[in-house]
Amino acid sequence: MEIIETIKEQIASNTVLLYMKGSPNAPQCGFSSKTAQAVMACGEKFAYVDILQNPDIRTNLPKYGNWPTFPQLWVKGELVGGCDIIVEMFENGELQTLLTNAMKKTDA
């Protein structure tokens, strides 16, 4: 399964990776928009994959991550969650801490 290898490579090579519909500056759904805004508000660099432009990833990532919906935020190879989880983490400060710590360890 070549696409699973692509997904593994994307997750492994990006400390913070958001799978979403559209792009952070032009999201194509409300959930992706809320999630991207929360991640951007933390001020750390992150990569994204537009699943609308990558139908094979859109089909296979839910199986790989055992998470059925999008967006999906991955930090240091671990699935953090989708929109509701990310927004809640942002509101209580956990997302900022998670992303800041993840990037510190990367920069060191």
PDB file of N, CA and C in Angstrom:
ATOM      1  N   MET A   1       0.840  -1.201   0.000  1.00  0.00           N
ATOM      2  CA  MET A   1       0.000   0.000   0.000  1.00  0.00           C
ATOM      3  C   MET A   1       0.873   1.247   0.000  1.00  0.00           C
ATOM      4  N   GLU A   2       1.070   1.765  -1.153  1.00  0.00           N
ATOM      5  CA  GLU A   2       1.933   2.925  -1.326  1.00  0.00           C
ATOM      6  C   GLU A   2       1.412   4.165  -0.582  1.00  0.00           C
ATOM      7  N   ILE A   3       0.098   4.368  -0.575  1.00  0.00           N
ATOM      8  CA  ILE A   3      -0.457   5.578   0.043  1.00  0.00           C
ATOM      9  C   ILE A   3      -0.229   5.575   1.558  1.00  0.00           C
ATOM     10  N   ILE A   4      -0.261   4.417   2.193  1.00  0.00           N
ATOM     11  CA  ILE A   4       0.013   4.340   3.634  1.00  0.00           C
ATOM     12  C   ILE A   4       1.455   4.761   3.900  1.00  0.00           C
ATOM     13  N   GLU A   5       2.366   4.375   3.027  1.00  0.00           N
ATOM     14  CA  GLU A   5       3.766   4.808   3.169  1.00  0.00           C
ATOM     15  C   GLU A   5       3.875   6.320   3.039  1.00  0.00           C
ATOM     16  N   THR A   6       3.121   6.898   2.124  1.00  0.00           N
ATOM     17  CA  THR A   6       3.108   8.359   1.964  1.00  0.00           C
ATOM     18  C   THR A   6       2.604   9.029   3.237  1.00  0.00           C
ATOM     19  N   ILE A   7       1.527   8.510   3.797  1.00  0.00           N
ATOM     20  CA  ILE A   7       0.967   9.064   5.030  1.00  0.00           C
ATOM     21  C   ILE A   7       1.991   8.961   6.163  1.00  0.00           C
ATOM     22  N   LYS A   8       2.608   7.804   6.312  1.00  0.00           N
ATOM     23  CA  LYS A   8       3.624   7.617   7.362  1.00  0.00           C
ATOM     24  C   LYS A   8       4.767   8.613   7.193  1.00  0.00           C
ATOM     25  N   GLU A   9       5.202   8.806   5.951  1.00  0.00           N
ATOM     26  CA  GLU A   9       6.284   9.741   5.653  1.00  0.00           C
ATOM     27  C   GLU A   9       5.885  11.175   6.015  1.00  0.00           C
ATOM     28  N   GLN A  10       4.672  11.579   5.660  1.00  0.00           N
ATOM     29  CA  GLN A  10       4.194  12.928   5.984  1.00  0.00           C
ATOM     30  C   GLN A  10       4.177  13.141   7.494  1.00  0.00           C
ATOM     31  N   ILE A  11       3.655  12.180   8.215  1.00  0.00           N
ATOM     32  CA  ILE A  11       3.546  12.296   9.672  1.00  0.00           C
ATOM     33  C   ILE A  11       4.929  12.314  10.311  1.00  0.00           C
ATOM     34  N   ALA A  12       5.827  11.470   9.809  1.00  0.00           N
ATOM     35  CA  ALA A  12       7.173  11.382  10.383  1.00  0.00           C
ATOM     36  C   ALA A  12       8.015  12.616  10.089  1.00  0.00           C
ATOM     37  N   SER A  13       7.806  13.245   8.949  1.00  0.00           N
ATOM     38  CA  SER A  13       8.681  14.347   8.554  1.00  0.00           C
ATOM     39  C   SER A  13       8.159  15.729   8.958  1.00  0.00           C
ATOM     40  N   ASN A  14       7.003  15.789   9.608  1.00  0.00           N
ATOM     41  CA  ASN A  14       6.439  17.073  10.060  1.00  0.00           C
ATOM     42  C   ASN A  14       6.083  16.980  11.536  1.00  0.00           C
ATOM     43  N   THR A  15       6.716  17.815  12.342  1.00  0.00           N
ATOM     44  CA  THR A  15       6.453  17.795  13.781  1.00  0.00           C
ATOM     45  C   THR A  15       4.984  18.069  14.073  1.00  0.00           C
ATOM     46  N   VAL A  16       4.424  19.053  13.392  1.00  0.00           N
ATOM     47  CA  VAL A  16       3.008  19.390  13.549  1.00  0.00           C
ATOM     48  C   VAL A  16       2.385  19.341  12.159  1.00  0.00           C
ATOM     49  N   LEU A  17       1.389  18.484  11.994  1.00  0.00           N
ATOM     50  CA  LEU A  17       0.771  18.272  10.682  1.00  0.00           C
ATOM     51  C   LEU A  17      -0.740  18.260  10.827  1.00  0.00           C
ATOM     52  N   LEU A  18      -1.391  19.077  10.021  1.00  0.00           N
ATOM     53  CA  LEU A  18      -2.847  19.161  10.033  1.00  0.00           C
ATOM     54  C   LEU A  18      -3.384  18.650   8.707  1.00  0.00           C
ATOM     55  N   TYR A  19      -4.166  17.583   8.769  1.00  0.00           N
ATOM     56  CA  TYR A  19      -4.900  17.105   7.603  1.00  0.00           C
ATOM     57  C   TYR A  19      -6.246  17.813   7.638  1.00  0.00           C
ATOM     58  N   MET A  20      -6.565  18.533   6.566  1.00  0.00           N
ATOM     59  CA  MET A  20      -7.764  19.365   6.585  1.00  0.00           C
ATOM     60  C   MET A  20      -8.361  19.479   5.192  1.00  0.00           C
ATOM     61  N   LYS A  21      -9.550  20.048   5.145  1.00  0.00           N
ATOM     62  CA  LYS A  21     -10.190  20.349   3.865  1.00  0.00           C
ATOM     63  C   LYS A  21      -9.840  21.787   3.508  1.00  0.00           C
ATOM     64  N   GLY A  22      -9.063  21.940   2.439  1.00  0.00           N
ATOM     65  CA  GLY A  22      -8.602  23.255   2.026  1.00  0.00           C
ATOM     66  C   GLY A  22      -7.238  23.553   2.618  1.00  0.00           C
ATOM     67  N   SER A  23      -6.945  24.846   2.790  1.00  0.00           N
ATOM     68  CA  SER A  23      -5.674  25.281   3.368  1.00  0.00           C
ATOM     69  C   SER A  23      -5.970  26.161   4.579  1.00  0.00           C
ATOM     70  N   PRO A  24      -4.969  26.409   5.429  1.00  0.00           N
ATOM     71  CA  PRO A  24      -5.222  27.239   6.610  1.00  0.00           C
ATOM     72  C   PRO A  24      -5.788  28.624   6.268  1.00  0.00           C
ATOM     73  N   ASN A  25      -5.353  29.194   5.155  1.00  0.00           N
ATOM     74  CA  ASN A  25      -5.844  30.517   4.785  1.00  0.00           C
ATOM     75  C   ASN A  25      -7.084  30.471   3.900  1.00  0.00           C
ATOM     76  N   ALA A  26      -7.452  29.282   3.426  1.00  0.00           N
ATOM     77  CA  ALA A  26      -8.658  29.119   2.606  1.00  0.00           C
ATOM     78  C   ALA A  26      -9.312  27.771   2.924  1.00  0.00           C
ATOM     79  N   PRO A  27      -9.769  27.609   4.159  1.00  0.00           N
ATOM     80  CA  PRO A  27     -10.383  26.334   4.542  1.00  0.00           C
ATOM     81  C   PRO A  27     -11.672  26.093   3.757  1.00  0.00           C
ATOM     82  N   GLN A  28     -11.961  24.821   3.515  1.00  0.00           N
ATOM     83  CA  GLN A  28     -13.139  24.458   2.732  1.00  0.00           C
ATOM     84  C   GLN A  28     -14.261  23.863   3.574  1.00  0.00           C
ATOM     85  N   CYS A  29     -14.128  23.916   4.899  1.00  0.00           N
ATOM     86  CA  CYS A  29     -15.239  23.528   5.771  1.00  0.00           C
ATOM     87  C   CYS A  29     -15.061  24.212   7.119  1.00  0.00           C
ATOM     88  N   GLY A  30     -16.146  24.332   7.839  1.00  0.00           N
ATOM     89  CA  GLY A  30     -16.124  25.034   9.115  1.00  0.00           C
ATOM     90  C   GLY A  30     -15.236  24.373  10.161  1.00  0.00           C
ATOM     91  N   PHE A  31     -15.242  23.052  10.202  1.00  0.00           N
ATOM     92  CA  PHE A  31     -14.417  22.345  11.179  1.00  0.00           C
ATOM     93  C   PHE A  31     -12.930  22.556  10.895  1.00  0.00           C
ATOM     94  N   SER A  32     -12.563  22.485   9.609  1.00  0.00           N
ATOM     95  CA  SER A  32     -11.168  22.737   9.237  1.00  0.00           C
ATOM     96  C   SER A  32     -10.786  24.174   9.555  1.00  0.00           C
ATOM     97  N   SER A  33     -11.698  25.097   9.334  1.00  0.00           N
ATOM     98  CA  SER A  33     -11.439  26.503   9.616  1.00  0.00           C
ATOM     99  C   SER A  33     -11.165  26.729  11.106  1.00  0.00           C
ATOM    100  N   LYS A  34     -12.029  26.201  11.960  1.00  0.00           N
ATOM    101  CA  LYS A  34     -11.860  26.374  13.410  1.00  0.00           C
ATOM    102  C   LYS A  34     -10.543  25.765  13.892  1.00  0.00           C
ATOM    103  N   THR A  35     -10.241  24.574  13.378  1.00  0.00           N
ATOM    104  CA  THR A  35      -9.035  23.878  13.800  1.00  0.00           C
ATOM    105  C   THR A  35      -7.792  24.635  13.344  1.00  0.00           C
ATOM    106  N   ALA A  36      -7.773  25.050  12.087  1.00  0.00           N
ATOM    107  CA  ALA A  36      -6.619  25.796  11.555  1.00  0.00           C
ATOM    108  C   ALA A  36      -6.431  27.102  12.316  1.00  0.00           C
ATOM    109  N   GLN A  37      -7.521  27.802  12.636  1.00  0.00           N
ATOM    110  CA  GLN A  37      -7.410  29.055  13.391  1.00  0.00           C
ATOM    111  C   GLN A  37      -6.804  28.820  14.763  1.00  0.00           C
ATOM    112  N   ALA A  38      -7.206  27.756  15.424  1.00  0.00           N
ATOM    113  CA  ALA A  38      -6.666  27.440  16.752  1.00  0.00           C
ATOM    114  C   ALA A  38      -5.172  27.144  16.657  1.00  0.00           C
ATOM    115  N   VAL A  39      -4.779  26.344  15.676  1.00  0.00           N
ATOM    116  CA  VAL A  39      -3.366  25.997  15.514  1.00  0.00           C
ATOM    117  C   VAL A  39      -2.553  27.243  15.153  1.00  0.00           C
ATOM    118  N   MET A  40      -3.051  28.048  14.214  1.00  0.00           N
ATOM    119  CA  MET A  40      -2.330  29.267  13.810  1.00  0.00           C
ATOM    120  C   MET A  40      -2.190  30.242  14.977  1.00  0.00           C
ATOM    121  N   ALA A  41      -3.202  30.311  15.825  1.00  0.00           N
ATOM    122  CA  ALA A  41      -3.171  31.244  16.955  1.00  0.00           C
ATOM    123  C   ALA A  41      -2.070  30.902  17.955  1.00  0.00           C
ATOM    124  N   CYS A  42      -1.591  29.670  17.917  1.00  0.00           N
ATOM    125  CA  CYS A  42      -0.513  29.258  18.826  1.00  0.00           C
ATOM    126  C   CYS A  42       0.844  29.766  18.354  1.00  0.00           C
ATOM    127  N   GLY A  43       0.938  30.176  17.103  1.00  0.00           N
ATOM    128  CA  GLY A  43       2.145  30.829  16.605  1.00  0.00           C
ATOM    129  C   GLY A  43       3.297  29.915  16.237  1.00  0.00           C
ATOM    130  N   GLU A  44       3.074  28.622  16.196  1.00  0.00           N
ATOM    131  CA  GLU A  44       4.142  27.690  15.817  1.00  0.00           C
ATOM    132  C   GLU A  44       3.967  27.283  14.354  1.00  0.00           C
ATOM    133  N   LYS A  45       5.104  26.940  13.732  1.00  0.00           N
ATOM    134  CA  LYS A  45       5.043  26.467  12.352  1.00  0.00           C
ATOM    135  C   LYS A  45       4.337  25.124  12.313  1.00  0.00           C
ATOM    136  N   PHE A  46       3.573  24.919  11.240  1.00  0.00           N
ATOM    137  CA  PHE A  46       2.961  23.607  11.037  1.00  0.00           C
ATOM    138  C   PHE A  46       2.765  23.378   9.548  1.00  0.00           C
ATOM    139  N   ALA A  47       2.703  22.106   9.200  1.00  0.00           N
ATOM    140  CA  ALA A  47       2.441  21.713   7.821  1.00  0.00           C
ATOM    141  C   ALA A  47       0.977  21.301   7.722  1.00  0.00           C
ATOM    142  N   TYR A  48       0.485  21.292   6.505  1.00  0.00           N
ATOM    143  CA  TYR A  48      -0.882  20.826   6.305  1.00  0.00           C
ATOM    144  C   TYR A  48      -0.957  20.046   5.000  1.00  0.00           C
ATOM    145  N   VAL A  49      -1.961  19.199   4.923  1.00  0.00           N
ATOM    146  CA  VAL A  49      -2.273  18.465   3.705  1.00  0.00           C
ATOM    147  C   VAL A  49      -3.755  18.705   3.419  1.00  0.00           C
ATOM    148  N   ASP A  50      -4.037  19.197   2.212  1.00  0.00           N
ATOM    149  CA  ASP A  50      -5.411  19.402   1.776  1.00  0.00           C
ATOM    150  C   ASP A  50      -5.945  18.066   1.262  1.00  0.00           C
ATOM    151  N   ILE A  51      -6.819  17.456   2.037  1.00  0.00           N
ATOM    152  CA  ILE A  51      -7.314  16.131   1.662  1.00  0.00           C
ATOM    153  C   ILE A  51      -8.253  16.187   0.456  1.00  0.00           C
ATOM    154  N   LEU A  52      -8.786  17.359   0.144  1.00  0.00           N
ATOM    155  CA  LEU A  52      -9.634  17.478  -1.038  1.00  0.00           C
ATOM    156  C   LEU A  52      -8.802  17.342  -2.313  1.00  0.00           C
ATOM    157  N   GLN A  53      -7.520  17.713  -2.226  1.00  0.00           N
ATOM    158  CA  GLN A  53      -6.609  17.577  -3.364  1.00  0.00           C
ATOM    159  C   GLN A  53      -5.918  16.213  -3.378  1.00  0.00           C
ATOM    160  N   ASN A  54      -6.111  15.435  -2.325  1.00  0.00           N
ATOM    161  CA  ASN A  54      -5.454  14.139  -2.170  1.00  0.00           C
ATOM    162  C   ASN A  54      -6.482  13.074  -1.790  1.00  0.00           C
ATOM    163  N   PRO A  55      -7.310  12.645  -2.750  1.00  0.00           N
ATOM    164  CA  PRO A  55      -8.389  11.709  -2.415  1.00  0.00           C
ATOM    165  C   PRO A  55      -7.917  10.380  -1.834  1.00  0.00           C
ATOM    166  N   ASP A  56      -6.728   9.918  -2.236  1.00  0.00           N
ATOM    167  CA  ASP A  56      -6.223   8.661  -1.671  1.00  0.00           C
ATOM    168  C   ASP A  56      -5.918   8.812  -0.185  1.00  0.00           C
ATOM    169  N   ILE A  57      -5.379   9.960   0.196  1.00  0.00           N
ATOM    170  CA  ILE A  57      -5.112  10.223   1.614  1.00  0.00           C
ATOM    171  C   ILE A  57      -6.445  10.352   2.355  1.00  0.00           C
ATOM    172  N   ARG A  58      -7.381  11.053   1.756  1.00  0.00           N
ATOM    173  CA  ARG A  58      -8.699  11.222   2.371  1.00  0.00           C
ATOM    174  C   ARG A  58      -9.351   9.870   2.659  1.00  0.00           C
ATOM    175  N   THR A  59      -9.173   8.924   1.757  1.00  0.00           N
ATOM    176  CA  THR A  59      -9.761   7.600   1.912  1.00  0.00           C
ATOM    177  C   THR A  59      -9.020   6.749   2.936  1.00  0.00           C
ATOM    178  N   ASN A  60      -7.694   6.826   2.945  1.00  0.00           N
ATOM    179  CA  ASN A  60      -6.888   5.894   3.740  1.00  0.00           C
ATOM    180  C   ASN A  60      -6.478   6.393   5.117  1.00  0.00           C
ATOM    181  N   LEU A  61      -6.374   7.702   5.318  1.00  0.00           N
ATOM    182  CA  LEU A  61      -5.942   8.209   6.620  1.00  0.00           C
ATOM    183  C   LEU A  61      -6.877   7.796   7.759  1.00  0.00           C
ATOM    184  N   PRO A  62      -8.201   7.834   7.581  1.00  0.00           N
ATOM    185  CA  PRO A  62      -9.064   7.388   8.690  1.00  0.00           C
ATOM    186  C   PRO A  62      -8.780   5.957   9.137  1.00  0.00           C
ATOM    187  N   LYS A  63      -8.423   5.097   8.200  1.00  0.00           N
ATOM    188  CA  LYS A  63      -8.079   3.715   8.554  1.00  0.00           C
ATOM    189  C   LYS A  63      -6.741   3.685   9.293  1.00  0.00           C
ATOM    190  N   TYR A  64      -5.782   4.435   8.784  1.00  0.00           N
ATOM    191  CA  TYR A  64      -4.447   4.446   9.384  1.00  0.00           C
ATOM    192  C   TYR A  64      -4.485   4.998  10.816  1.00  0.00           C
ATOM    193  N   GLY A  65      -5.158   6.136  10.996  1.00  0.00           N
ATOM    194  CA  GLY A  65      -5.193   6.782  12.302  1.00  0.00           C
ATOM    195  C   GLY A  65      -6.315   6.314  13.206  1.00  0.00           C
ATOM    196  N   ASN A  66      -7.192   5.449  12.681  1.00  0.00           N
ATOM    197  CA  ASN A  66      -8.347   4.977  13.426  1.00  0.00           C
ATOM    198  C   ASN A  66      -9.191   6.155  13.931  1.00  0.00           C
ATOM    199  N   TRP A  67      -9.339   7.143  13.055  1.00  0.00           N
ATOM    200  CA  TRP A  67     -10.122   8.344  13.363  1.00  0.00           C
ATOM    201  C   TRP A  67     -10.927   8.668  12.114  1.00  0.00           C
ATOM    202  N   PRO A  68     -12.258   8.638  12.181  1.00  0.00           N
ATOM    203  CA  PRO A  68     -13.067   8.663  10.955  1.00  0.00           C
ATOM    204  C   PRO A  68     -13.243  10.023  10.285  1.00  0.00           C
ATOM    205  N   THR A  69     -12.972  11.105  10.983  1.00  0.00           N
ATOM    206  CA  THR A  69     -13.332  12.419  10.446  1.00  0.00           C
ATOM    207  C   THR A  69     -12.110  13.313  10.216  1.00  0.00           C
ATOM    208  N   PHE A  70     -12.362  14.407   9.526  1.00  0.00           N
ATOM    209  CA  PHE A  70     -11.364  15.454   9.302  1.00  0.00           C
ATOM    210  C   PHE A  70     -11.912  16.749   9.857  1.00  0.00           C
ATOM    211  N   PRO A  71     -11.043  17.629  10.295  1.00  0.00           N
ATOM    212  CA  PRO A  71      -9.583  17.604  10.241  1.00  0.00           C
ATOM    213  C   PRO A  71      -8.981  16.645  11.274  1.00  0.00           C
ATOM    214  N   GLN A  72      -7.676  16.380  11.095  1.00  0.00           N
ATOM    215  CA  GLN A  72      -6.909  15.586  12.050  1.00  0.00           C
ATOM    216  C   GLN A  72      -5.597  16.316  12.305  1.00  0.00           C
ATOM    217  N   LEU A  73      -5.286  16.529  13.575  1.00  0.00           N
ATOM    218  CA  LEU A  73      -4.015  17.151  13.944  1.00  0.00           C
ATOM    219  C   LEU A  73      -3.085  16.084  14.504  1.00  0.00           C
ATOM    220  N   TRP A  74      -1.888  16.012  13.917  1.00  0.00           N
ATOM    221  CA  TRP A  74      -0.851  15.069  14.345  1.00  0.00           C
ATOM    222  C   TRP A  74       0.318  15.879  14.881  1.00  0.00           C
ATOM    223  N   VAL A  75       0.816  15.520  16.050  1.00  0.00           N
ATOM    224  CA  VAL A  75       1.963  16.189  16.664  1.00  0.00           C
ATOM    225  C   VAL A  75       2.977  15.122  17.056  1.00  0.00           C
ATOM    226  N   LYS A  76       4.174  15.271  16.545  1.00  0.00           N
ATOM    227  CA  LYS A  76       5.264  14.328  16.820  1.00  0.00           C
ATOM    228  C   LYS A  76       4.840  12.874  16.595  1.00  0.00           C
ATOM    229  N   GLY A  77       4.143  12.644  15.476  1.00  0.00           N
ATOM    230  CA  GLY A  77       3.766  11.296  15.099  1.00  0.00           C
ATOM    231  C   GLY A  77       2.544  10.741  15.793  1.00  0.00           C
ATOM    232  N   GLU A  78       1.918  11.532  16.664  1.00  0.00           N
ATOM    233  CA  GLU A  78       0.743  11.063  17.407  1.00  0.00           C
ATOM    234  C   GLU A  78      -0.499  11.854  16.988  1.00  0.00           C
ATOM    235  N   LEU A  79      -1.595  11.151  16.797  1.00  0.00           N
ATOM    236  CA  LEU A  79      -2.860  11.810  16.503  1.00  0.00           C
ATOM    237  C   LEU A  79      -3.370  12.484  17.766  1.00  0.00           C
ATOM    238  N   VAL A  80      -3.573  13.798  17.692  1.00  0.00           N
ATOM    239  CA  VAL A  80      -4.099  14.541  18.841  1.00  0.00           C
ATOM    240  C   VAL A  80      -5.623  14.511  18.805  1.00  0.00           C
ATOM    241  N   GLY A  81      -6.206  14.736  17.635  1.00  0.00           N
ATOM    242  CA  GLY A  81      -7.656  14.671  17.518  1.00  0.00           C
ATOM    243  C   GLY A  81      -8.186  15.561  16.424  1.00  0.00           C
ATOM    244  N   GLY A  82      -9.496  15.750  16.462  1.00  0.00           N
ATOM    245  CA  GLY A  82     -10.192  16.549  15.470  1.00  0.00           C
ATOM    246  C   GLY A  82     -10.607  17.902  16.028  1.00  0.00           C
ATOM    247  N   CYS A  83     -11.545  18.515  15.366  1.00  0.00           N
ATOM    248  CA  CYS A  83     -11.935  19.896  15.655  1.00  0.00           C
ATOM    249  C   CYS A  83     -12.323  20.129  17.114  1.00  0.00           C
ATOM    250  N   ASP A  84     -13.257  19.355  17.637  1.00  0.00           N
ATOM    251  CA  ASP A  84     -13.740  19.607  19.002  1.00  0.00           C
ATOM    252  C   ASP A  84     -12.610  19.505  20.028  1.00  0.00           C
ATOM    253  N   ILE A  85     -11.774  18.489  19.871  1.00  0.00           N
ATOM    254  CA  ILE A  85     -10.660  18.302  20.806  1.00  0.00           C
ATOM    255  C   ILE A  85      -9.669  19.450  20.693  1.00  0.00           C
ATOM    256  N   ILE A  86      -9.330  19.848  19.476  1.00  0.00           N
ATOM    257  CA  ILE A  86      -8.338  20.902  19.260  1.00  0.00           C
ATOM    258  C   ILE A  86      -8.860  22.238  19.791  1.00  0.00           C
ATOM    259  N   VAL A  87     -10.107  22.555  19.515  1.00  0.00           N
ATOM    260  CA  VAL A  87     -10.679  23.821  20.002  1.00  0.00           C
ATOM    261  C   VAL A  87     -10.709  23.833  21.526  1.00  0.00           C
ATOM    262  N   GLU A  88     -11.102  22.727  22.135  1.00  0.00           N
ATOM    263  CA  GLU A  88     -11.121  22.641  23.604  1.00  0.00           C
ATOM    264  C   GLU A  88      -9.706  22.810  24.168  1.00  0.00           C
ATOM    265  N   MET A  89      -8.738  22.138  23.553  1.00  0.00           N
ATOM    266  CA  MET A  89      -7.349  22.251  24.014  1.00  0.00           C
ATOM    267  C   MET A  89      -6.839  23.682  23.861  1.00  0.00           C
ATOM    268  N   PHE A  90      -7.242  24.345  22.770  1.00  0.00           N
ATOM    269  CA  PHE A  90      -6.832  25.733  22.559  1.00  0.00           C
ATOM    270  C   PHE A  90      -7.427  26.624  23.648  1.00  0.00           C
ATOM    271  N   GLU A  91      -8.693  26.447  23.930  1.00  0.00           N
ATOM    272  CA  GLU A  91      -9.384  27.296  24.909  1.00  0.00           C
ATOM    273  C   GLU A  91      -8.823  27.137  26.312  1.00  0.00           C
ATOM    274  N   ASN A  92      -8.338  25.934  26.663  1.00  0.00           N
ATOM    275  CA  ASN A  92      -7.807  25.764  28.018  1.00  0.00           C
ATOM    276  C   ASN A  92      -6.281  25.862  28.082  1.00  0.00           C
ATOM    277  N   GLY A  93      -5.650  26.201  26.959  1.00  0.00           N
ATOM    278  CA  GLY A  93      -4.208  26.440  26.955  1.00  0.00           C
ATOM    279  C   GLY A  93      -3.339  25.226  26.669  1.00  0.00           C
ATOM    280  N   GLU A  94      -3.952  24.047  26.605  1.00  0.00           N
ATOM    281  CA  GLU A  94      -3.170  22.826  26.385  1.00  0.00           C
ATOM    282  C   GLU A  94      -2.543  22.769  24.997  1.00  0.00           C
ATOM    283  N   LEU A  95      -3.245  23.286  23.995  1.00  0.00           N
ATOM    284  CA  LEU A  95      -2.724  23.218  22.628  1.00  0.00           C
ATOM    285  C   LEU A  95      -1.450  24.047  22.502  1.00  0.00           C
ATOM    286  N   GLN A  96      -1.463  25.245  23.069  1.00  0.00           N
ATOM    287  CA  GLN A  96      -0.273  26.100  23.039  1.00  0.00           C
ATOM    288  C   GLN A  96       0.917  25.380  23.664  1.00  0.00           C
ATOM    289  N   THR A  97       0.694  24.790  24.831  1.00  0.00           N
ATOM    290  CA  THR A  97       1.764  24.075  25.527  1.00  0.00           C
ATOM    291  C   THR A  97       2.267  22.902  24.695  1.00  0.00           C
ATOM    292  N   LEU A  98       1.348  22.121  24.151  1.00  0.00           N
ATOM    293  CA  LEU A  98       1.711  20.959  23.344  1.00  0.00           C
ATOM    294  C   LEU A  98       2.564  21.365  22.140  1.00  0.00           C
ATOM    295  N   LEU A  99       2.109  22.377  21.407  1.00  0.00           N
ATOM    296  CA  LEU A  99       2.825  22.782  20.196  1.00  0.00           C
ATOM    297  C   LEU A  99       4.158  23.444  20.526  1.00  0.00           C
ATOM    298  N   THR A 100       4.188  24.272  21.559  1.00  0.00           N
ATOM    299  CA  THR A 100       5.436  24.928  21.957  1.00  0.00           C
ATOM    300  C   THR A 100       6.470  23.887  22.374  1.00  0.00           C
ATOM    301  N   ASN A 101       6.061  22.936  23.176  1.00  0.00           N
ATOM    302  CA  ASN A 101       6.990  21.884  23.624  1.00  0.00           C
ATOM    303  C   ASN A 101       7.448  21.013  22.469  1.00  0.00           C
ATOM    304  N   ALA A 102       6.555  20.687  21.560  1.00  0.00           N
ATOM    305  CA  ALA A 102       6.909  19.859  20.399  1.00  0.00           C
ATOM    306  C   ALA A 102       7.952  20.568  19.550  1.00  0.00           C
ATOM    307  N   MET A 103       7.782  21.861  19.353  1.00  0.00           N
ATOM    308  CA  MET A 103       8.717  22.614  18.510  1.00  0.00           C
ATOM    309  C   MET A 103      10.044  22.856  19.206  1.00  0.00           C
ATOM    310  N   LYS A 104      10.031  23.036  20.520  1.00  0.00           N
ATOM    311  CA  LYS A 104      11.285  23.202  21.285  1.00  0.00           C
ATOM    312  C   LYS A 104      12.182  21.976  21.109  1.00  0.00           C
ATOM    313  N   LYS A 105      11.576  20.811  21.240  1.00  0.00           N
ATOM    314  CA  LYS A 105      12.326  19.566  21.126  1.00  0.00           C
ATOM    315  C   LYS A 105      12.864  19.379  19.723  1.00  0.00           C
ATOM    316  N   THR A 106      12.147  19.928  18.720  1.00  0.00           N
ATOM    317  CA  THR A 106      12.585  19.820  17.338  1.00  0.00           C
ATOM    318  C   THR A 106      13.768  20.742  17.087  1.00  0.00           C
ATOM    319  N   ASP A 107      13.719  21.948  17.640  1.00  0.00           N
ATOM    320  CA  ASP A 107      14.749  22.953  17.401  1.00  0.00           C
ATOM    321  C   ASP A 107      16.045  22.621  18.123  1.00  0.00           C
ATOM    322  N   ALA A 108      15.972  21.852  19.215  1.00  0.00           N
ATOM    323  CA  ALA A 108      17.150  21.580  20.037  1.00  0.00           C
ATOM    324  C   ALA A 108      18.168  20.715  19.329  1.00  0.00           C
TER     325      ALA A 108
END
